[in-house]
Each structure stands twice: as C-alpha cells, then as structure tokens.
PDB file of all heavy atoms in Angstrom:
ATOM      1  N   ALA A   1      22.371 -16.557-103.359  1.00  0.00           N
ATOM      2  CA  ALA A   1      22.365 -15.842-102.082  1.00  0.00           C
ATOM      3  C   ALA A   1      23.679 -16.112-101.359  1.00  0.00           C
ATOM      4  O   ALA A   1      24.161 -17.250-101.325  1.00  0.00           O
ATOM      5  CB  ALA A   1      21.190 -16.297-101.223  1.00  0.00           C
ATOM      6  N   ASN A   2      24.249 -15.061-100.810  1.00  0.00           N
ATOM      7  CA  ASN A   2      25.524 -15.113-100.094  1.00  0.00           C
ATOM      8  C   ASN A   2      26.621 -15.770-100.933  1.00  0.00           C
ATOM      9  O   ASN A   2      27.173 -16.814-100.569  1.00  0.00           O
ATOM     10  CB  ASN A   2      25.362 -15.828 -98.746  1.00  0.00           C
ATOM     11  CG  ASN A   2      24.427 -15.074 -97.816  1.00  0.00           C
ATOM     12  OD1 ASN A   2      24.254 -13.872 -97.946  1.00  0.00           O
ATOM     13  ND2 ASN A   2      23.822 -15.776 -96.891  1.00  0.00           N
ATOM     14  N   PRO A   3      26.955 -15.153-102.091  1.00  0.00           N
ATOM     15  CA  PRO A   3      28.013 -15.728-102.934  1.00  0.00           C
ATOM     16  C   PRO A   3      29.352 -15.740-102.201  1.00  0.00           C
ATOM     17  O   PRO A   3      29.617 -14.881-101.364  1.00  0.00           O
ATOM     18  CB  PRO A   3      28.042 -14.791-104.140  1.00  0.00           C
ATOM     19  CG  PRO A   3      27.450 -13.512-103.669  1.00  0.00           C
ATOM     20  CD  PRO A   3      26.454 -13.878-102.602  1.00  0.00           C
ATOM     21  N   LYS A   4      30.181 -16.736-102.534  1.00  0.00           N
ATOM     22  CA  LYS A   4      31.502 -16.851-101.898  1.00  0.00           C
ATOM     23  C   LYS A   4      32.410 -15.693-102.303  1.00  0.00           C
ATOM     24  O   LYS A   4      33.150 -15.163-101.491  1.00  0.00           O
ATOM     25  CB  LYS A   4      32.144 -18.186-102.261  1.00  0.00           C
ATOM     26  CG  LYS A   4      31.441 -19.383-101.642  1.00  0.00           C
ATOM     27  CD  LYS A   4      32.310 -20.616-101.713  1.00  0.00           C
ATOM     28  CE  LYS A   4      31.675 -21.901-101.272  1.00  0.00           C
ATOM     29  NZ  LYS A   4      30.763 -21.910-100.200  1.00  0.00           N
ATOM     30  N   ALA A   5      32.373 -15.303-103.574  1.00  0.00           N
ATOM     31  CA  ALA A   5      33.168 -14.168-104.058  1.00  0.00           C
ATOM     32  C   ALA A   5      32.295 -12.916-104.083  1.00  0.00           C
ATOM     33  O   ALA A   5      31.089 -12.998-104.295  1.00  0.00           O
ATOM     34  CB  ALA A   5      33.698 -14.468-105.452  1.00  0.00           C
ATOM     35  N   LYS A   6      32.924 -11.757-103.867  1.00  0.00           N
ATOM     36  CA  LYS A   6      32.192 -10.488-103.908  1.00  0.00           C
ATOM     37  C   LYS A   6      31.741 -10.225-105.343  1.00  0.00           C
ATOM     38  O   LYS A   6      32.522 -10.353-106.278  1.00  0.00           O
ATOM     39  CB  LYS A   6      33.109  -9.374-103.408  1.00  0.00           C
ATOM     40  CG  LYS A   6      32.454  -8.016-103.298  1.00  0.00           C
ATOM     41  CD  LYS A   6      33.414  -7.034-102.654  1.00  0.00           C
ATOM     42  CE  LYS A   6      32.955  -5.620-102.707  1.00  0.00           C
ATOM     43  NZ  LYS A   6      31.691  -5.327-102.093  1.00  0.00           N
ATOM     44  N   LEU A   7      30.466  -9.875-105.497  1.00  0.00           N
ATOM     45  CA  LEU A   7      29.914  -9.572-106.815  1.00  0.00           C
ATOM     46  C   LEU A   7      29.502  -8.117-106.865  1.00  0.00           C
ATOM     47  O   LEU A   7      29.187  -7.510-105.837  1.00  0.00           O
ATOM     48  CB  LEU A   7      28.682 -10.447-107.100  1.00  0.00           C
ATOM     49  CG  LEU A   7      28.900 -11.955-107.124  1.00  0.00           C
ATOM     50  CD1 LEU A   7      27.572 -12.664-107.339  1.00  0.00           C
ATOM     51  CD2 LEU A   7      29.902 -12.347-108.192  1.00  0.00           C
ATOM     52  N   LYS A   8      29.485  -7.567-108.081  1.00  0.00           N
ATOM     53  CA  LYS A   8      28.922  -6.227-108.274  1.00  0.00           C
ATOM     54  C   LYS A   8      28.251  -6.185-109.637  1.00  0.00           C
ATOM     55  O   LYS A   8      28.596  -6.958-110.542  1.00  0.00           O
ATOM     56  CB  LYS A   8      29.980  -5.141-108.113  1.00  0.00           C
ATOM     57  CG  LYS A   8      31.034  -5.089-109.180  1.00  0.00           C
ATOM     58  CD  LYS A   8      32.002  -3.954-108.890  1.00  0.00           C
ATOM     59  CE  LYS A   8      33.012  -3.720-109.972  1.00  0.00           C
ATOM     60  NZ  LYS A   8      33.730  -4.872-110.462  1.00  0.00           N
ATOM     61  N   GLU A   9      27.288  -5.285-109.765  1.00  0.00           N
ATOM     62  CA  GLU A   9      26.553  -5.146-111.028  1.00  0.00           C
ATOM     63  C   GLU A   9      27.523  -4.952-112.180  1.00  0.00           C
ATOM     64  O   GLU A   9      28.481  -4.180-112.077  1.00  0.00           O
ATOM     65  CB  GLU A   9      25.607  -3.946-110.940  1.00  0.00           C
ATOM     66  CG  GLU A   9      24.825  -3.706-112.211  1.00  0.00           C
ATOM     67  CD  GLU A   9      23.899  -2.503-112.139  1.00  0.00           C
ATOM     68  OE1 GLU A   9      23.689  -1.954-111.045  1.00  0.00           O
ATOM     69  OE2 GLU A   9      23.383  -2.128-113.191  1.00  0.00           O
ATOM     70  N   GLY A  10      27.278  -5.687-113.268  1.00  0.00           N
ATOM     71  CA  GLY A  10      28.104  -5.552-114.452  1.00  0.00           C
ATOM     72  C   GLY A  10      29.267  -6.525-114.526  1.00  0.00           C
ATOM     73  O   GLY A  10      29.911  -6.637-115.563  1.00  0.00           O
ATOM     74  N   ASP A  11      29.565  -7.227-113.413  1.00  0.00           N
ATOM     75  CA  ASP A  11      30.611  -8.243-113.465  1.00  0.00           C
ATOM     76  C   ASP A  11      30.257  -9.266-114.541  1.00  0.00           C
ATOM     77  O   ASP A  11      29.093  -9.631-114.701  1.00  0.00           O
ATOM     78  CB  ASP A  11      30.746  -8.988-112.126  1.00  0.00           C
ATOM     79  CG  ASP A  11      31.508  -8.202-111.068  1.00  0.00           C
ATOM     80  OD1 ASP A  11      32.081  -7.143-111.389  1.00  0.00           O
ATOM     81  OD2 ASP A  11      31.522  -8.667-109.909  1.00  0.00           O
ATOM     82  N   ILE A  12      31.269  -9.751-115.244  1.00  0.00           N
ATOM     83  CA  ILE A  12      31.092 -10.807-116.242  1.00  0.00           C
ATOM     84  C   ILE A  12      31.855 -12.028-115.735  1.00  0.00           C
ATOM     85  O   ILE A  12      33.078 -11.966-115.553  1.00  0.00           O
ATOM     86  CB  ILE A  12      31.603 -10.370-117.625  1.00  0.00           C
ATOM     87  CG1 ILE A  12      30.888  -9.103-118.074  1.00  0.00           C
ATOM     88  CG2 ILE A  12      31.413 -11.501-118.642  1.00  0.00           C
ATOM     89  CD1 ILE A  12      31.467  -8.475-119.325  1.00  0.00           C
ATOM     90  N   LEU A  13      31.129 -13.102-115.478  1.00  0.00           N
ATOM     91  CA  LEU A  13      31.705 -14.316-114.923  1.00  0.00           C
ATOM     92  C   LEU A  13      31.820 -15.378-116.014  1.00  0.00           C
ATOM     93  O   LEU A  13      31.156 -15.298-117.043  1.00  0.00           O
ATOM     94  CB  LEU A  13      30.825 -14.841-113.781  1.00  0.00           C
ATOM     95  CG  LEU A  13      30.404 -13.806-112.715  1.00  0.00           C
ATOM     96  CD1 LEU A  13      29.423 -14.432-111.741  1.00  0.00           C
ATOM     97  CD2 LEU A  13      31.618 -13.244-112.002  1.00  0.00           C
ATOM     98  N   LYS A  14      32.617 -16.402-115.763  1.00  0.00           N
ATOM     99  CA  LYS A  14      32.783 -17.501-116.713  1.00  0.00           C
ATOM    100  C   LYS A  14      31.922 -18.711-116.347  1.00  0.00           C
ATOM    101  O   LYS A  14      31.878 -19.682-117.101  1.00  0.00           O
ATOM    102  CB  LYS A  14      34.258 -17.909-116.814  1.00  0.00           C
ATOM    103  CG  LYS A  14      35.102 -16.853-117.498  1.00  0.00           C
ATOM    104  CD  LYS A  14      34.595 -16.598-118.909  1.00  0.00           C
ATOM    105  CE  LYS A  14      35.318 -15.462-119.599  1.00  0.00           C
ATOM    106  NZ  LYS A  14      34.640 -15.057-120.829  1.00  0.00           N
ATOM    107  N   GLU A  15      31.247 -18.658-115.198  1.00  0.00           N
ATOM    108  CA  GLU A  15      30.356 -19.742-114.759  1.00  0.00           C
ATOM    109  C   GLU A  15      29.439 -19.195-113.679  1.00  0.00           C
ATOM    110  O   GLU A  15      29.638 -18.097-113.185  1.00  0.00           O
ATOM    111  CB  GLU A  15      31.162 -20.937-114.244  1.00  0.00           C
ATOM    112  CG  GLU A  15      32.033 -20.593-113.047  1.00  0.00           C
ATOM    113  CD  GLU A  15      32.988 -21.710-112.675  1.00  0.00           C
ATOM    114  OE1 GLU A  15      33.010 -22.746-113.357  1.00  0.00           O
ATOM    115  OE2 GLU A  15      33.717 -21.542-111.686  1.00  0.00           O
ATOM    116  N   TRP A  16      28.424 -20.009-113.323  1.00  0.00           N
ATOM    117  CA  TRP A  16      27.552 -19.618-112.211  1.00  0.00           C
ATOM    118  C   TRP A  16      28.422 -19.468-110.970  1.00  0.00           C
ATOM    119  O   TRP A  16      29.295 -20.310-110.717  1.00  0.00           O
ATOM    120  CB  TRP A  16      26.488 -20.673-111.950  1.00  0.00           C
ATOM    121  CG  TRP A  16      25.549 -20.949-113.080  1.00  0.00           C
ATOM    122  CD1 TRP A  16      25.432 -22.118-113.773  1.00  0.00           C
ATOM    123  CD2 TRP A  16      24.575 -20.061-113.646  1.00  0.00           C
ATOM    124  NE1 TRP A  16      24.454 -21.996-114.735  1.00  0.00           N
ATOM    125  CE2 TRP A  16      23.912 -20.750-114.676  1.00  0.00           C
ATOM    126  CE3 TRP A  16      24.208 -18.739-113.379  1.00  0.00           C
ATOM    127  CZ2 TRP A  16      22.897 -20.174-115.437  1.00  0.00           C
ATOM    128  CZ3 TRP A  16      23.194 -18.163-114.143  1.00  0.00           C
ATOM    129  CH2 TRP A  16      22.551 -18.867-115.158  1.00  0.00           C
ATOM    130  N   PRO A  17      28.206 -18.431-110.157  1.00  0.00           N
ATOM    131  CA  PRO A  17      29.055 -18.249-108.977  1.00  0.00           C
ATOM    132  C   PRO A  17      28.749 -19.262-107.875  1.00  0.00           C
ATOM    133  O   PRO A  17      27.616 -19.716-107.734  1.00  0.00           O
ATOM    134  CB  PRO A  17      28.714 -16.827-108.528  1.00  0.00           C
ATOM    135  CG  PRO A  17      27.343 -16.575-109.039  1.00  0.00           C
ATOM    136  CD  PRO A  17      27.233 -17.358-110.320  1.00  0.00           C
ATOM    137  N   GLU A  18      29.786 -19.600-107.112  1.00  0.00           N
ATOM    138  CA  GLU A  18      29.609 -20.408-105.904  1.00  0.00           C
ATOM    139  C   GLU A  18      28.853 -19.553-104.890  1.00  0.00           C
ATOM    140  O   GLU A  18      29.132 -18.361-104.755  1.00  0.00           O
ATOM    141  CB  GLU A  18      30.975 -20.786-105.323  1.00  0.00           C
ATOM    142  CG  GLU A  18      31.808 -21.646-106.231  1.00  0.00           C
ATOM    143  CD  GLU A  18      31.570 -23.121-106.006  1.00  0.00           C
ATOM    144  OE1 GLU A  18      31.226 -23.505-104.877  1.00  0.00           O
ATOM    145  OE2 GLU A  18      31.717 -23.886-106.972  1.00  0.00           O
ATOM    146  N   ALA A  19      27.897 -20.167-104.183  1.00  0.00           N
ATOM    147  CA  ALA A  19      27.108 -19.403-103.223  1.00  0.00           C
ATOM    148  C   ALA A  19      26.518 -20.344-102.177  1.00  0.00           C
ATOM    149  O   ALA A  19      26.412 -21.554-102.406  1.00  0.00           O
ATOM    150  CB  ALA A  19      25.978 -18.653-103.936  1.00  0.00           C
ATOM    151  N   GLN A  20      26.120 -19.748-101.051  1.00  0.00           N
ATOM    152  CA  GLN A  20      25.491 -20.538 -99.992  1.00  0.00           C
ATOM    153  C   GLN A  20      24.201 -21.180-100.497  1.00  0.00           C
ATOM    154  O   GLN A  20      23.916 -22.328-100.203  1.00  0.00           O
ATOM    155  CB  GLN A  20      25.220 -19.635 -98.781  1.00  0.00           C
ATOM    156  CG  GLN A  20      24.683 -20.378 -97.582  1.00  0.00           C
ATOM    157  CD  GLN A  20      24.530 -19.477 -96.360  1.00  0.00           C
ATOM    158  OE1 GLN A  20      24.705 -18.256 -96.446  1.00  0.00           O
ATOM    159  NE2 GLN A  20      24.206 -20.077 -95.242  1.00  0.00           N
ATOM    160  N   TRP A  21      23.405 -20.395-101.260  1.00  0.00           N
ATOM    161  CA  TRP A  21      22.166 -20.906-101.846  1.00  0.00           C
ATOM    162  C   TRP A  21      22.110 -20.500-103.304  1.00  0.00           C
ATOM    163  O   TRP A  21      22.545 -19.412-103.675  1.00  0.00           O
ATOM    164  CB  TRP A  21      20.939 -20.331-101.133  1.00  0.00           C
ATOM    165  CG  TRP A  21      20.791 -20.751 -99.721  1.00  0.00           C
ATOM    166  CD1 TRP A  21      20.552 -22.016 -99.255  1.00  0.00           C
ATOM    167  CD2 TRP A  21      20.867 -19.920 -98.569  1.00  0.00           C
ATOM    168  NE1 TRP A  21      20.487 -22.014 -97.890  1.00  0.00           N
ATOM    169  CE2 TRP A  21      20.664 -20.732 -97.436  1.00  0.00           C
ATOM    170  CE3 TRP A  21      21.095 -18.556 -98.377  1.00  0.00           C
ATOM    171  CZ2 TRP A  21      20.677 -20.239 -96.142  1.00  0.00           C
ATOM    172  CZ3 TRP A  21      21.100 -18.064 -97.092  1.00  0.00           C
ATOM    173  CH2 TRP A  21      20.896 -18.907 -95.999  1.00  0.00           C
ATOM    174  N   ARG A  22      21.534 -21.381-104.120  1.00  0.00           N
ATOM    175  CA  ARG A  22      21.330 -21.082-105.538  1.00  0.00           C
ATOM    176  C   ARG A  22      19.938 -21.549-105.931  1.00  0.00           C
ATOM    177  O   ARG A  22      19.506 -22.616-105.531  1.00  0.00           O
ATOM    178  CB  ARG A  22      22.375 -21.794-106.402  1.00  0.00           C
ATOM    179  CG  ARG A  22      23.751 -21.303-106.095  1.00  0.00           C
ATOM    180  CD  ARG A  22      24.932 -21.863-106.810  1.00  0.00           C
ATOM    181  NE  ARG A  22      24.802 -22.886-107.800  1.00  0.00           N
ATOM    182  CZ  ARG A  22      25.757 -23.206-108.641  1.00  0.00           C
ATOM    183  NH1 ARG A  22      26.907 -22.571-108.624  1.00  0.00           N
ATOM    184  NH2 ARG A  22      25.601 -24.169-109.517  1.00  0.00           N
ATOM    185  N   SER A  23      19.278 -20.732-106.734  1.00  0.00           N
ATOM    186  CA  SER A  23      17.951 -21.114-107.224  1.00  0.00           C
ATOM    187  C   SER A  23      18.098 -22.118-108.361  1.00  0.00           C
ATOM    188  O   SER A  23      19.208 -22.341-108.873  1.00  0.00           O
ATOM    189  CB  SER A  23      17.199 -19.879-107.748  1.00  0.00           C
ATOM    190  OG  SER A  23      17.766 -19.451-108.979  1.00  0.00           O
ATOM    191  N   GLN A  24      16.978 -22.661-108.783  1.00  0.00           N
ATOM    192  CA  GLN A  24      16.988 -23.435-110.015  1.00  0.00           C
ATOM    193  C   GLN A  24      17.232 -22.467-111.169  1.00  0.00           C
ATOM    194  O   GLN A  24      16.911 -21.280-111.067  1.00  0.00           O
ATOM    195  CB  GLN A  24      15.643 -24.129-110.218  1.00  0.00           C
ATOM    196  CG  GLN A  24      15.380 -25.248-109.234  1.00  0.00           C
ATOM    197  CD  GLN A  24      14.080 -25.933-109.561  1.00  0.00           C
ATOM    198  OE1 GLN A  24      13.030 -25.317-109.652  1.00  0.00           O
ATOM    199  NE2 GLN A  24      14.143 -27.248-109.740  1.00  0.00           N
ATOM    200  N   VAL A  25      17.780 -22.972-112.243  1.00  0.00           N
ATOM    201  CA  VAL A  25      17.984 -22.167-113.451  1.00  0.00           C
ATOM    202  C   VAL A  25      16.675 -22.174-114.236  1.00  0.00           C
ATOM    203  O   VAL A  25      16.067 -23.221-114.432  1.00  0.00           O
ATOM    204  CB  VAL A  25      19.124 -22.743-114.309  1.00  0.00           C
ATOM    205  CG1 VAL A  25      19.237 -21.986-115.630  1.00  0.00           C
ATOM    206  CG2 VAL A  25      20.430 -22.715-113.537  1.00  0.00           C
ATOM    207  N   ILE A  26      16.243 -20.988-114.648  1.00  0.00           N
ATOM    208  CA  ILE A  26      15.096 -20.912-115.547  1.00  0.00           C
ATOM    209  C   ILE A  26      15.596 -20.409-116.898  1.00  0.00           C
ATOM    210  O   ILE A  26      16.603 -19.714-116.979  1.00  0.00           O
ATOM    211  CB  ILE A  26      13.942 -20.031-115.017  1.00  0.00           C
ATOM    212  CG1 ILE A  26      14.389 -18.576-114.875  1.00  0.00           C
ATOM    213  CG2 ILE A  26      13.383 -20.574-113.732  1.00  0.00           C
ATOM    214  CD1 ILE A  26      13.240 -17.616-114.724  1.00  0.00           C
TER     215      ILE A  26
END
C-alpha cells in the first residue's frame, strides 16, 4: 500500500517494492 515508486500493471520489478505498508508474503 502506498508504494514509494509509481507502479502500473505489467511492471516487472527486481525485488518487492518499497511501500508504506506491506502484507506478509504468502
């Protein structure tokens, strides 16, 4: 929730994004 960098559908990242809140990984 509220990622630091702007995201859009289809983006391919190299790691979990930095964000104000992150859920647990399932």
